[in-house]
N, C-alpha and C. Protein backbone atom coordinates (compact mmCIF):
# COMPACT_ATOMS: atom_id res chain seq x y z
N UNK A 1 -6.00 -22.58 -4.91
CA UNK A 1 -6.08 -22.80 -6.32
C UNK A 1 -5.70 -21.57 -7.13
N UNK A 2 -6.10 -20.41 -6.67
CA UNK A 2 -5.80 -19.17 -7.39
C UNK A 2 -4.30 -18.94 -7.45
N UNK A 3 -3.58 -19.29 -6.37
CA UNK A 3 -2.12 -19.10 -6.36
C UNK A 3 -1.45 -20.03 -7.36
N UNK A 4 -1.94 -21.24 -7.48
CA UNK A 4 -1.38 -22.20 -8.42
C UNK A 4 -1.54 -21.71 -9.88
N UNK A 5 -2.71 -21.14 -10.18
CA UNK A 5 -2.96 -20.65 -11.54
C UNK A 5 -2.05 -19.46 -11.86
N UNK A 6 -1.84 -18.56 -10.87
CA UNK A 6 -0.96 -17.41 -11.08
C UNK A 6 0.47 -17.88 -11.34
N UNK A 7 0.92 -18.88 -10.57
CA UNK A 7 2.27 -19.41 -10.76
C UNK A 7 2.42 -20.05 -12.14
N UNK A 8 1.40 -20.75 -12.60
CA UNK A 8 1.43 -21.38 -13.92
C UNK A 8 1.49 -20.31 -15.02
N UNK A 9 0.69 -19.23 -14.82
CA UNK A 9 0.68 -18.15 -15.81
C UNK A 9 2.06 -17.48 -15.89
N UNK A 10 2.70 -17.27 -14.73
CA UNK A 10 4.02 -16.64 -14.71
C UNK A 10 5.04 -17.53 -15.43
N UNK A 11 4.95 -18.84 -15.18
CA UNK A 11 5.86 -19.77 -15.84
C UNK A 11 5.63 -19.77 -17.35
N UNK A 12 4.36 -19.71 -17.77
CA UNK A 12 4.05 -19.70 -19.20
C UNK A 12 4.59 -18.43 -19.87
N UNK A 13 4.49 -17.30 -19.18
CA UNK A 13 4.98 -16.04 -19.74
C UNK A 13 6.50 -16.11 -19.88
N UNK A 14 7.17 -16.63 -18.88
CA UNK A 14 8.63 -16.75 -18.95
C UNK A 14 9.05 -17.68 -20.08
N UNK A 15 8.34 -18.79 -20.22
CA UNK A 15 8.66 -19.74 -21.28
C UNK A 15 8.41 -19.11 -22.66
N UNK A 16 7.33 -18.32 -22.77
CA UNK A 16 7.03 -17.67 -24.05
C UNK A 16 8.12 -16.65 -24.41
N UNK A 17 8.58 -15.90 -23.43
CA UNK A 17 9.63 -14.92 -23.68
C UNK A 17 10.91 -15.60 -24.12
N UNK A 18 11.28 -16.66 -23.42
CA UNK A 18 12.54 -17.34 -23.76
C UNK A 18 12.44 -18.01 -25.12
N UNK A 19 11.29 -18.58 -25.44
CA UNK A 19 11.15 -19.22 -26.76
C UNK A 19 11.15 -18.16 -27.86
N UNK A 20 10.59 -16.99 -27.60
CA UNK A 20 10.60 -15.91 -28.59
C UNK A 20 12.03 -15.47 -28.87
N UNK A 21 12.82 -15.32 -27.84
CA UNK A 21 14.21 -14.89 -28.01
C UNK A 21 14.99 -15.96 -28.79
N UNK A 22 14.79 -17.22 -28.46
CA UNK A 22 15.49 -18.30 -29.17
C UNK A 22 15.11 -18.33 -30.64
N UNK A 23 13.81 -18.19 -30.93
CA UNK A 23 13.35 -18.20 -32.32
C UNK A 23 13.88 -16.98 -33.09
N UNK A 24 13.93 -15.83 -32.42
CA UNK A 24 14.44 -14.62 -33.07
C UNK A 24 15.90 -14.79 -33.44
N UNK A 25 16.69 -15.34 -32.56
CA UNK A 25 18.11 -15.58 -32.85
C UNK A 25 18.26 -16.54 -34.03
N UNK A 26 17.44 -17.58 -34.04
CA UNK A 26 17.52 -18.56 -35.13
C UNK A 26 17.18 -17.89 -36.47
N UNK A 27 16.19 -17.02 -36.49
CA UNK A 27 15.83 -16.33 -37.73
C UNK A 27 16.91 -15.36 -38.16
N UNK A 28 17.55 -14.68 -37.19
CA UNK A 28 18.60 -13.73 -37.54
C UNK A 28 19.82 -14.44 -38.14
N UNK A 29 20.03 -15.69 -37.79
CA UNK A 29 21.14 -16.44 -38.36
C UNK A 29 20.86 -16.78 -39.83
N UNK A 30 19.58 -16.85 -40.20
CA UNK A 30 19.20 -17.19 -41.57
C UNK A 30 19.29 -15.98 -42.51
N UNK A 31 19.37 -14.78 -41.97
CA UNK A 31 19.37 -13.56 -42.78
C UNK A 31 20.67 -13.47 -43.56
N UNK A 32 20.57 -13.08 -44.83
CA UNK A 32 21.79 -12.85 -45.62
C UNK A 32 22.10 -11.35 -45.52
N UNK A 33 23.12 -11.02 -44.75
CA UNK A 33 23.50 -9.64 -44.52
C UNK A 33 24.32 -9.12 -45.68
N UNK A 34 24.14 -7.84 -46.03
CA UNK A 34 24.92 -7.30 -47.15
C UNK A 34 26.37 -7.08 -46.75
N UNK A 35 27.23 -7.18 -47.75
CA UNK A 35 28.65 -6.89 -47.51
C UNK A 35 28.81 -5.38 -47.36
N UNK A 36 29.91 -4.93 -46.77
CA UNK A 36 30.11 -3.48 -46.63
C UNK A 36 30.07 -2.75 -47.97
N UNK A 37 30.57 -3.40 -49.03
CA UNK A 37 30.55 -2.77 -50.35
C UNK A 37 29.10 -2.61 -50.84
N UNK A 38 28.30 -3.65 -50.69
CA UNK A 38 26.88 -3.58 -51.08
C UNK A 38 26.14 -2.52 -50.26
N UNK A 39 26.45 -2.47 -48.98
CA UNK A 39 25.79 -1.51 -48.10
C UNK A 39 26.13 -0.07 -48.53
N UNK A 40 27.40 0.17 -48.84
CA UNK A 40 27.81 1.51 -49.28
C UNK A 40 27.15 1.86 -50.61
N UNK A 41 27.09 0.89 -51.51
CA UNK A 41 26.47 1.11 -52.82
C UNK A 41 24.98 1.44 -52.67
N UNK A 42 24.29 0.67 -51.88
CA UNK A 42 22.85 0.90 -51.66
C UNK A 42 22.60 2.24 -50.97
N UNK A 43 23.44 2.56 -50.00
CA UNK A 43 23.30 3.84 -49.30
C UNK A 43 23.51 5.01 -50.26
N UNK A 44 24.52 4.92 -51.11
CA UNK A 44 24.78 5.98 -52.09
C UNK A 44 23.62 6.11 -53.06
N UNK A 45 23.04 4.99 -53.46
CA UNK A 45 21.90 5.01 -54.36
C UNK A 45 20.71 5.73 -53.72
N UNK A 46 20.42 5.40 -52.48
CA UNK A 46 19.30 6.03 -51.78
C UNK A 46 19.53 7.53 -51.64
N UNK A 47 20.73 7.92 -51.23
CA UNK A 47 21.03 9.36 -51.06
C UNK A 47 20.93 10.08 -52.41
N UNK A 48 21.42 9.45 -53.48
CA UNK A 48 21.32 10.05 -54.81
C UNK A 48 19.88 10.25 -55.24
N UNK A 49 19.04 9.25 -55.04
CA UNK A 49 17.62 9.36 -55.42
C UNK A 49 16.93 10.45 -54.60
N UNK A 50 17.24 10.51 -53.31
CA UNK A 50 16.64 11.54 -52.46
C UNK A 50 17.04 12.93 -52.94
N UNK A 51 18.31 13.12 -53.30
CA UNK A 51 18.77 14.42 -53.79
C UNK A 51 18.09 14.79 -55.11
N UNK A 52 17.96 13.83 -56.02
CA UNK A 52 17.30 14.11 -57.30
C UNK A 52 15.84 14.52 -57.08
N UNK A 53 15.15 13.78 -56.23
CA UNK A 53 13.74 14.12 -55.95
C UNK A 53 13.65 15.48 -55.27
N UNK A 54 14.56 15.78 -54.36
CA UNK A 54 14.55 17.09 -53.69
C UNK A 54 14.76 18.22 -54.69
N UNK A 55 15.68 18.03 -55.63
CA UNK A 55 15.92 19.06 -56.65
C UNK A 55 14.68 19.26 -57.52
N UNK A 56 14.04 18.17 -57.89
CA UNK A 56 12.81 18.27 -58.69
C UNK A 56 11.73 19.02 -57.92
N UNK A 57 11.58 18.72 -56.65
CA UNK A 57 10.57 19.40 -55.83
C UNK A 57 10.88 20.90 -55.72
N UNK A 58 12.14 21.24 -55.53
CA UNK A 58 12.54 22.66 -55.42
C UNK A 58 12.24 23.39 -56.73
N UNK A 59 12.58 22.77 -57.85
CA UNK A 59 12.34 23.40 -59.15
C UNK A 59 10.84 23.59 -59.37
N UNK A 60 10.05 22.55 -59.11
CA UNK A 60 8.59 22.68 -59.28
C UNK A 60 8.01 23.72 -58.34
N UNK A 61 8.51 23.77 -57.12
CA UNK A 61 8.04 24.77 -56.16
C UNK A 61 8.33 26.17 -56.68
N UNK A 62 9.53 26.38 -57.20
CA UNK A 62 9.90 27.69 -57.74
C UNK A 62 9.02 28.05 -58.94
N UNK A 63 8.80 27.09 -59.85
CA UNK A 63 7.97 27.36 -61.02
C UNK A 63 6.53 27.70 -60.62
N UNK A 64 5.95 26.94 -59.70
CA UNK A 64 4.59 27.23 -59.25
C UNK A 64 4.52 28.58 -58.55
N UNK A 65 5.54 28.91 -57.80
CA UNK A 65 5.58 30.20 -57.11
C UNK A 65 5.59 31.34 -58.13
N UNK A 66 6.47 31.25 -59.12
CA UNK A 66 6.54 32.29 -60.16
C UNK A 66 5.22 32.39 -60.92
N UNK A 67 4.65 31.25 -61.27
CA UNK A 67 3.38 31.23 -62.00
C UNK A 67 2.29 31.91 -61.17
N UNK A 68 2.19 31.56 -59.91
CA UNK A 68 1.17 32.15 -59.04
C UNK A 68 1.41 33.64 -58.86
N UNK A 69 2.66 34.06 -58.71
CA UNK A 69 2.94 35.48 -58.56
C UNK A 69 2.53 36.24 -59.82
N UNK A 70 2.84 35.68 -61.00
CA UNK A 70 2.47 36.34 -62.24
C UNK A 70 0.95 36.42 -62.39
N UNK A 71 0.29 35.32 -62.13
CA UNK A 71 -1.17 35.30 -62.25
C UNK A 71 -1.80 36.26 -61.25
N UNK A 72 -1.34 36.22 -60.01
CA UNK A 72 -1.90 37.11 -59.00
C UNK A 72 -1.59 38.57 -59.31
N UNK A 73 -0.40 38.84 -59.82
CA UNK A 73 -0.04 40.22 -60.17
C UNK A 73 -0.94 40.74 -61.29
N UNK A 74 -1.15 39.91 -62.31
CA UNK A 74 -2.02 40.32 -63.41
C UNK A 74 -3.45 40.50 -62.93
N UNK A 75 -3.93 39.61 -62.08
CA UNK A 75 -5.29 39.74 -61.55
C UNK A 75 -5.41 41.00 -60.72
N UNK A 76 -4.40 41.29 -59.91
CA UNK A 76 -4.42 42.51 -59.10
C UNK A 76 -4.43 43.75 -59.99
N UNK A 77 -3.65 43.74 -61.06
CA UNK A 77 -3.64 44.87 -61.98
C UNK A 77 -4.99 45.04 -62.66
N UNK A 78 -5.61 43.93 -63.05
CA UNK A 78 -6.94 44.00 -63.66
C UNK A 78 -7.96 44.58 -62.69
N UNK A 79 -7.90 44.16 -61.44
CA UNK A 79 -8.83 44.68 -60.43
C UNK A 79 -8.59 46.16 -60.22
N UNK A 80 -7.34 46.57 -60.14
CA UNK A 80 -7.04 48.00 -59.95
C UNK A 80 -7.49 48.82 -61.16
N UNK A 81 -7.27 48.27 -62.36
CA UNK A 81 -7.72 48.99 -63.55
C UNK A 81 -9.24 49.14 -63.57
N UNK A 82 -9.94 48.10 -63.20
CA UNK A 82 -11.40 48.17 -63.15
C UNK A 82 -11.85 49.15 -62.08
N UNK A 83 -11.16 49.16 -60.95
CA UNK A 83 -11.52 50.07 -59.86
C UNK A 83 -11.29 51.51 -60.27
N UNK A 84 -10.17 51.80 -60.93
CA UNK A 84 -9.91 53.18 -61.35
C UNK A 84 -10.87 53.59 -62.45
N UNK A 85 -11.23 52.67 -63.35
CA UNK A 85 -12.19 52.97 -64.40
C UNK A 85 -13.55 53.26 -63.78
N UNK A 86 -13.93 52.50 -62.79
CA UNK A 86 -15.21 52.72 -62.12
C UNK A 86 -15.20 54.05 -61.39
N UNK A 87 -14.11 54.40 -60.75
CA UNK A 87 -14.03 55.67 -60.03
C UNK A 87 -14.07 56.84 -61.00
N UNK A 88 -13.41 56.74 -62.13
CA UNK A 88 -13.41 57.82 -63.11
C UNK A 88 -14.81 58.02 -63.65
N UNK A 89 -15.54 56.97 -63.89
CA UNK A 89 -16.90 57.07 -64.39
C UNK A 89 -17.80 57.65 -63.31
N UNK A 90 -17.61 57.28 -62.07
CA UNK A 90 -18.47 57.75 -60.98
C UNK A 90 -18.17 59.18 -60.56
N UNK A 91 -16.98 59.65 -60.73
CA UNK A 91 -16.62 60.99 -60.27
C UNK A 91 -17.45 62.09 -60.91
N UNK A 92 -17.66 62.10 -62.22
CA UNK A 92 -18.50 63.17 -62.77
C UNK A 92 -19.91 63.12 -62.18
N UNK A 93 -20.43 61.97 -61.97
CA UNK A 93 -21.76 61.86 -61.38
C UNK A 93 -21.75 62.44 -59.96
N UNK A 94 -20.72 62.17 -59.21
CA UNK A 94 -20.64 62.68 -57.85
C UNK A 94 -20.51 64.20 -57.86
N UNK A 95 -19.75 64.76 -58.80
CA UNK A 95 -19.61 66.21 -58.88
C UNK A 95 -20.93 66.85 -59.26
N UNK A 96 -21.65 66.24 -60.19
CA UNK A 96 -22.96 66.78 -60.58
C UNK A 96 -23.91 66.74 -59.40
N UNK A 97 -23.89 65.66 -58.64
CA UNK A 97 -24.75 65.56 -57.47
C UNK A 97 -24.39 66.60 -56.43
N UNK A 98 -23.11 66.86 -56.24
CA UNK A 98 -22.69 67.87 -55.28
C UNK A 98 -23.11 69.26 -55.74
N UNK A 99 -23.01 69.53 -57.04
CA UNK A 99 -23.44 70.83 -57.56
C UNK A 99 -24.93 71.01 -57.36
N UNK A 100 -25.70 69.97 -57.60
CA UNK A 100 -27.15 70.05 -57.41
C UNK A 100 -27.48 70.26 -55.94
N UNK A 101 -26.74 69.62 -55.05
CA UNK A 101 -26.98 69.78 -53.62
C UNK A 101 -26.63 71.19 -53.16
N UNK A 102 -25.60 71.79 -53.73
CA UNK A 102 -25.21 73.14 -53.36
C UNK A 102 -26.21 74.17 -53.87
N UNK A 103 -26.84 73.94 -55.00
CA UNK A 103 -27.81 74.88 -55.56
C UNK A 103 -29.11 74.90 -54.76
N UNK A 104 -29.52 73.78 -54.23
CA UNK A 104 -30.76 73.73 -53.45
C UNK A 104 -30.41 73.52 -51.99
N UNK A 105 -30.34 74.61 -51.19
CA UNK A 105 -29.98 74.43 -49.78
C UNK A 105 -31.09 73.71 -49.04
N UNK A 106 -30.70 72.87 -48.16
CA UNK A 106 -31.63 72.10 -47.36
C UNK A 106 -31.74 72.74 -46.00
N UNK A 107 -32.93 73.00 -45.54
CA UNK A 107 -33.11 73.68 -44.26
C UNK A 107 -32.64 72.82 -43.10
N UNK A 108 -32.72 71.53 -43.23
CA UNK A 108 -32.28 70.65 -42.15
C UNK A 108 -30.76 70.64 -42.03
N UNK A 109 -30.06 70.78 -43.16
CA UNK A 109 -28.61 70.71 -43.11
C UNK A 109 -27.99 72.05 -42.74
N UNK A 110 -28.72 73.14 -42.84
CA UNK A 110 -28.19 74.45 -42.52
C UNK A 110 -28.82 74.92 -41.22
N UNK A 111 -28.13 74.92 -40.10
CA UNK A 111 -28.73 75.28 -38.82
C UNK A 111 -29.09 76.76 -38.72
N UNK A 112 -28.40 77.64 -39.46
CA UNK A 112 -28.70 79.07 -39.38
C UNK A 112 -30.08 79.38 -39.92
N UNK A 113 -30.50 78.71 -40.97
CA UNK A 113 -31.80 78.99 -41.54
C UNK A 113 -32.91 78.49 -40.65
N UNK A 114 -32.68 77.42 -39.93
CA UNK A 114 -33.73 76.93 -39.03
C UNK A 114 -33.88 77.84 -37.83
N UNK A 115 -32.80 78.43 -37.37
CA UNK A 115 -32.90 79.34 -36.21
C UNK A 115 -33.60 80.63 -36.60
N UNK A 116 -33.30 81.14 -37.80
CA UNK A 116 -33.93 82.37 -38.27
C UNK A 116 -35.40 82.19 -38.57
N UNK A 117 -35.79 81.00 -38.97
CA UNK A 117 -37.18 80.75 -39.30
C UNK A 117 -38.05 80.77 -38.07
N UNK A 118 -37.51 80.51 -36.92
CA UNK A 118 -38.32 80.49 -35.70
C UNK A 118 -38.50 81.87 -35.24
């Protein structure tokens, strides 16, 4: 019985394939194919639209790039200006601190004084 069912299944698969091919051919006969002139016209239209969109994308990409470069450049300049302003303000404080440190010698930082003290 199992062999009979396998043979039936194989026959059904073959019949399904052949009917699919027949139906596909019948549908392809119903298709209205474009003439060579229509095909060339449609192809030119598609290529033209693709080129226009590509040009728009390139222009927008360039504009965004320039905008970002300008914004980033200005932001970088602002950061550098703030950093130099902060350093200029901090430098006098650092010099005063260094002068105060030099006036009061620290015994721990000067090894000669610790050796002499012993």
